[in-house]
N, C-alpha and C. Protein backbone atom coordinates (compact mmCIF):
# COMPACT_ATOMS: atom_id res chain seq x y z
N MET A 1 70.48 159.39 29.30
CA MET A 1 69.78 160.10 29.92
C MET A 1 70.12 160.30 31.44
N SER A 2 70.30 161.70 31.68
CA SER A 2 70.92 161.81 33.23
C SER A 2 69.50 161.28 34.37
N HIS A 3 69.87 160.94 35.26
CA HIS A 3 68.67 160.44 36.29
C HIS A 3 67.75 161.75 36.71
N THR A 4 68.62 163.04 36.63
CA THR A 4 67.87 164.09 37.40
C THR A 4 66.67 164.58 36.21
N VAL A 5 67.17 164.14 34.91
CA VAL A 5 65.99 164.68 33.84
C VAL A 5 64.87 163.70 33.89
N GLN A 6 65.42 162.25 34.30
CA GLN A 6 64.16 161.44 34.50
C GLN A 6 63.26 161.62 35.59
N GLU A 7 63.77 162.17 36.73
CA GLU A 7 63.04 162.55 37.81
C GLU A 7 62.68 163.88 37.86
N LYS A 8 62.94 164.63 36.96
CA LYS A 8 62.82 166.34 36.94
C LYS A 8 61.43 166.66 37.71
N GLN A 9 60.39 166.21 37.48
CA GLN A 9 59.00 166.58 37.91
C GLN A 9 59.22 166.46 39.35
N LYS A 10 59.69 165.40 40.00
CA LYS A 10 59.71 165.15 41.24
C LYS A 10 60.61 165.78 42.10
N LEU A 11 61.81 166.09 41.38
CA LEU A 11 62.58 167.10 41.99
C LEU A 11 62.43 168.24 41.96
N LEU A 12 61.83 168.73 41.03
CA LEU A 12 61.46 170.34 41.03
C LEU A 12 60.16 170.51 42.16
N ASN A 13 59.32 169.54 42.10
CA ASN A 13 58.37 169.64 43.51
C ASN A 13 58.90 169.80 44.78
N ARG A 14 59.82 169.20 44.93
CA ARG A 14 60.55 169.17 45.98
C ARG A 14 61.25 170.62 46.37
N VAL A 15 62.08 170.99 45.33
CA VAL A 15 62.70 172.09 45.34
C VAL A 15 61.21 173.20 45.55
N ARG A 16 60.39 173.38 44.81
CA ARG A 16 59.37 174.47 45.06
C ARG A 16 58.94 174.28 46.63
N ARG A 17 58.99 173.23 47.22
CA ARG A 17 58.37 172.95 48.42
C ARG A 17 59.35 173.84 49.49
N ILE A 18 60.66 173.63 49.08
CA ILE A 18 61.85 174.14 49.96
C ILE A 18 61.73 175.63 49.56
N LYS A 19 61.62 176.07 48.63
CA LYS A 19 61.28 177.62 48.51
C LYS A 19 60.52 178.11 49.27
N GLY A 20 59.08 177.46 49.21
CA GLY A 20 57.96 178.00 50.17
C GLY A 20 58.58 177.68 51.53
N GLN A 21 59.23 177.01 52.00
CA GLN A 21 59.59 176.97 53.52
C GLN A 21 60.73 177.99 53.45
N VAL A 22 61.55 178.34 52.90
CA VAL A 22 62.55 179.61 52.97
C VAL A 22 61.54 180.69 52.94
N GLU A 23 60.67 181.03 52.09
CA GLU A 23 59.86 182.19 52.26
C GLU A 23 59.13 182.19 53.44
N ALA A 24 58.71 181.27 54.07
CA ALA A 24 58.15 181.26 55.53
C ALA A 24 58.97 181.74 56.60
N ILE A 25 60.54 181.38 56.29
CA ILE A 25 61.47 181.92 57.45
C ILE A 25 61.65 183.18 57.14
N GLU A 26 61.78 183.75 56.03
CA GLU A 26 61.89 184.89 55.54
C GLU A 26 60.70 185.98 56.24
N ARG A 27 59.42 185.55 55.93
CA ARG A 27 58.12 186.15 56.59
C ARG A 27 58.28 186.10 58.04
N ALA A 28 58.79 184.78 58.60
CA ALA A 28 58.81 185.13 60.29
C ALA A 28 59.60 186.02 60.79
N LEU A 29 60.83 186.17 59.90
CA LEU A 29 61.82 186.97 60.41
C LEU A 29 61.32 188.64 59.94
N GLU A 30 60.43 188.74 59.04
CA GLU A 30 60.18 190.05 58.87
C GLU A 30 59.01 190.32 59.84
N GLU A 31 58.24 189.52 60.23
CA GLU A 31 57.21 189.85 61.14
C GLU A 31 57.50 189.58 62.62
N GLU A 32 58.81 189.46 62.84
CA GLU A 32 59.69 189.56 64.32
C GLU A 32 58.99 188.31 65.10
N HIS A 33 58.83 187.14 64.55
CA HIS A 33 58.37 185.89 65.16
C HIS A 33 59.34 185.70 66.18
N GLY A 34 59.06 184.87 67.26
CA GLY A 34 60.04 184.38 68.12
C GLY A 34 60.79 183.37 67.84
N CYS A 35 62.04 183.47 68.44
CA CYS A 35 63.37 182.68 67.88
C CYS A 35 63.08 181.25 67.77
N SER A 36 62.13 180.69 68.66
CA SER A 36 61.73 179.35 68.59
C SER A 36 61.09 178.89 67.40
N ASP A 37 60.01 179.72 66.95
CA ASP A 37 59.39 179.71 65.80
C ASP A 37 60.19 179.79 64.56
N VAL A 38 61.01 180.68 64.44
CA VAL A 38 62.02 181.01 63.39
C VAL A 38 63.10 179.74 63.36
N LEU A 39 63.80 178.93 64.39
CA LEU A 39 64.35 177.91 64.66
C LEU A 39 63.73 176.67 64.11
N GLN A 40 62.42 176.65 64.25
CA GLN A 40 61.45 175.22 63.78
C GLN A 40 61.53 175.38 62.45
N ARG A 41 61.14 176.80 61.88
CA ARG A 41 61.16 176.70 60.39
C ARG A 41 62.42 176.45 59.54
N ILE A 42 63.53 176.86 60.44
CA ILE A 42 64.85 176.81 59.75
C ILE A 42 65.13 175.17 59.65
N THR A 43 64.46 174.42 60.88
CA THR A 43 65.02 173.11 60.99
C THR A 43 64.24 172.23 59.73
N SER A 44 63.13 172.76 59.66
CA SER A 44 62.23 171.83 58.69
C SER A 44 62.86 172.10 57.43
N CYS A 45 63.16 173.27 57.03
CA CYS A 45 64.00 173.64 55.71
C CYS A 45 65.22 172.72 55.67
N ARG A 46 66.04 172.75 56.68
CA ARG A 46 67.14 171.90 56.58
C ARG A 46 66.87 170.19 56.06
N GLY A 47 65.71 169.86 57.04
CA GLY A 47 65.43 168.54 56.78
C GLY A 47 65.13 168.35 55.37
N ALA A 48 64.27 169.32 54.71
CA ALA A 48 63.85 169.17 53.41
C ALA A 48 65.10 169.29 52.38
N MET A 49 66.08 169.92 52.72
CA MET A 49 67.19 170.11 51.86
C MET A 49 68.08 168.71 52.20
N ASN A 50 67.99 168.07 53.33
CA ASN A 50 69.08 167.10 53.21
C ASN A 50 68.20 165.88 52.76
N GLY A 51 66.91 166.00 52.45
CA GLY A 51 66.03 165.07 51.97
C GLY A 51 66.42 164.84 50.39
N LEU A 52 66.41 166.38 49.78
CA LEU A 52 66.46 166.47 48.40
C LEU A 52 67.91 166.00 48.08
N LEU A 53 69.16 166.36 49.05
CA LEU A 53 70.55 166.02 48.83
C LEU A 53 70.49 164.29 48.81
N ALA A 54 69.86 163.93 49.69
CA ALA A 54 70.12 162.33 49.89
C ALA A 54 69.49 161.57 48.45
N VAL A 55 68.28 162.13 47.81
CA VAL A 55 67.77 161.40 47.03
C VAL A 55 68.47 161.69 45.42
N VAL A 56 69.00 162.92 45.52
CA VAL A 56 69.78 163.17 44.16
C VAL A 56 71.32 162.35 44.67
N LEU A 57 71.60 162.35 45.63
CA LEU A 57 73.19 161.50 46.00
C LEU A 57 72.88 159.96 45.76
N GLU A 58 71.55 159.42 46.07
CA GLU A 58 71.51 157.80 45.87
C GLU A 58 71.39 157.76 44.22
N ASP A 59 70.68 158.70 43.84
CA ASP A 59 70.35 158.40 42.34
C ASP A 59 71.90 158.41 41.81
N HIS A 60 72.79 159.42 41.93
CA HIS A 60 73.77 159.49 41.61
C HIS A 60 74.88 158.42 41.60
N ILE A 61 75.08 157.81 42.96
CA ILE A 61 75.49 156.42 43.28
C ILE A 61 75.26 155.54 42.42
N ARG A 62 73.83 155.16 42.25
CA ARG A 62 73.33 154.06 41.41
C ARG A 62 73.48 154.14 40.09
N ASN A 63 73.64 155.51 39.72
CA ASN A 63 73.72 155.56 38.07
C ASN A 63 75.34 155.96 37.60
N HIS A 64 75.91 156.27 38.39
CA HIS A 64 77.09 156.61 37.69
C HIS A 64 78.42 156.42 38.67
N LEU A 65 78.19 155.59 39.91
CA LEU A 65 79.23 155.19 40.56
C LEU A 65 79.64 153.50 39.96
N VAL A 66 80.59 152.96 39.83
CA VAL A 66 80.84 151.68 39.52
C VAL A 66 80.94 150.93 40.81
N ASP A 67 80.25 149.72 41.11
CA ASP A 67 79.92 148.95 42.11
C ASP A 67 80.96 147.94 42.06
N ALA A 68 82.18 147.97 43.20
CA ALA A 68 83.08 146.98 43.01
C ALA A 68 82.75 145.82 43.20
N ASN A 69 81.52 145.30 43.72
CA ASN A 69 81.12 143.82 44.16
C ASN A 69 80.02 143.53 42.96
N ASP A 70 80.09 143.71 41.85
CA ASP A 70 79.01 143.33 40.78
C ASP A 70 78.68 141.91 40.99
N GLY A 71 77.35 141.77 41.03
CA GLY A 71 77.05 140.10 41.13
C GLY A 71 76.78 139.47 42.43
N GLU A 72 76.92 140.41 43.40
CA GLU A 72 76.50 139.92 44.66
C GLU A 72 75.20 140.45 45.05
N GLU A 73 74.55 139.73 46.23
CA GLU A 73 72.98 140.07 46.45
C GLU A 73 72.99 141.42 46.84
N HIS A 74 71.61 141.80 46.81
CA HIS A 74 71.24 143.11 46.76
C HIS A 74 71.40 143.44 48.36
N GLY A 75 72.00 144.62 48.75
CA GLY A 75 72.41 144.63 50.19
C GLY A 75 73.64 144.45 50.66
N ASP A 76 74.20 143.71 49.54
CA ASP A 76 75.69 143.42 50.37
C ASP A 76 76.47 143.98 49.26
N SER A 77 76.19 144.70 48.39
CA SER A 77 77.13 145.24 47.23
C SER A 77 77.63 146.59 47.78
N ALA A 78 78.75 147.04 47.48
CA ALA A 78 79.34 148.27 47.56
C ALA A 78 78.48 149.35 47.68
N THR A 79 77.56 149.26 46.43
CA THR A 79 76.55 150.61 46.22
C THR A 79 75.61 150.61 47.31
N GLU A 80 75.20 149.62 47.73
CA GLU A 80 74.03 149.38 48.84
C GLU A 80 74.78 149.63 50.05
N GLN A 81 76.14 149.61 50.31
CA GLN A 81 76.46 150.02 51.49
C GLN A 81 76.68 151.18 51.86
N LEU A 82 77.27 152.09 50.50
CA LEU A 82 77.39 153.34 50.64
C LEU A 82 76.11 154.16 50.88
N ILE A 83 75.06 153.39 49.95
CA ILE A 83 73.93 154.25 49.98
C ILE A 83 73.19 154.15 51.82
N GLU A 84 73.68 152.95 52.30
CA GLU A 84 73.40 153.01 53.76
C GLU A 84 73.78 154.16 54.71
N VAL A 85 75.24 154.27 54.45
CA VAL A 85 75.86 154.88 54.91
C VAL A 85 75.29 156.60 54.83
N VAL A 86 75.11 156.87 53.48
CA VAL A 86 74.75 158.27 53.35
C VAL A 86 73.16 158.20 53.91
N HIS A 87 72.29 157.43 53.95
CA HIS A 87 71.08 157.48 54.61
C HIS A 87 71.03 157.71 55.95
N SER A 88 72.23 156.86 56.67
CA SER A 88 72.35 157.18 57.99
C SER A 88 72.79 158.71 58.40
N TYR A 89 73.51 159.10 57.49
CA TYR A 89 74.32 160.45 57.93
C TYR A 89 73.10 161.57 57.89
N PHE A 90 72.08 161.46 56.86
CA PHE A 90 71.24 162.33 56.88
C PHE A 90 69.82 162.31 57.98
N LYS A 91 69.92 161.29 58.51
CA LYS A 91 68.87 160.88 59.63
C LYS A 91 69.34 161.65 60.93
């Protein structure tokens, strides 16, 4: 079973929150809000999208990629190192 199926409800909840954020951006533009307000909403949405991407990508790495360092302690494996790099990129 795919990891996205196992975490389906949590992922859908995230997507629905992002959808609400995108709709808020649209309303702000329609109502001619100031650019700083629109930029803040866009930034928040981008952060939420990055968070969703990070969760799905981490699960993909853990469930579908082969770990070259099988048997090594947690935190030292190739998988854990890759996940740390991905997390640092999205911060």
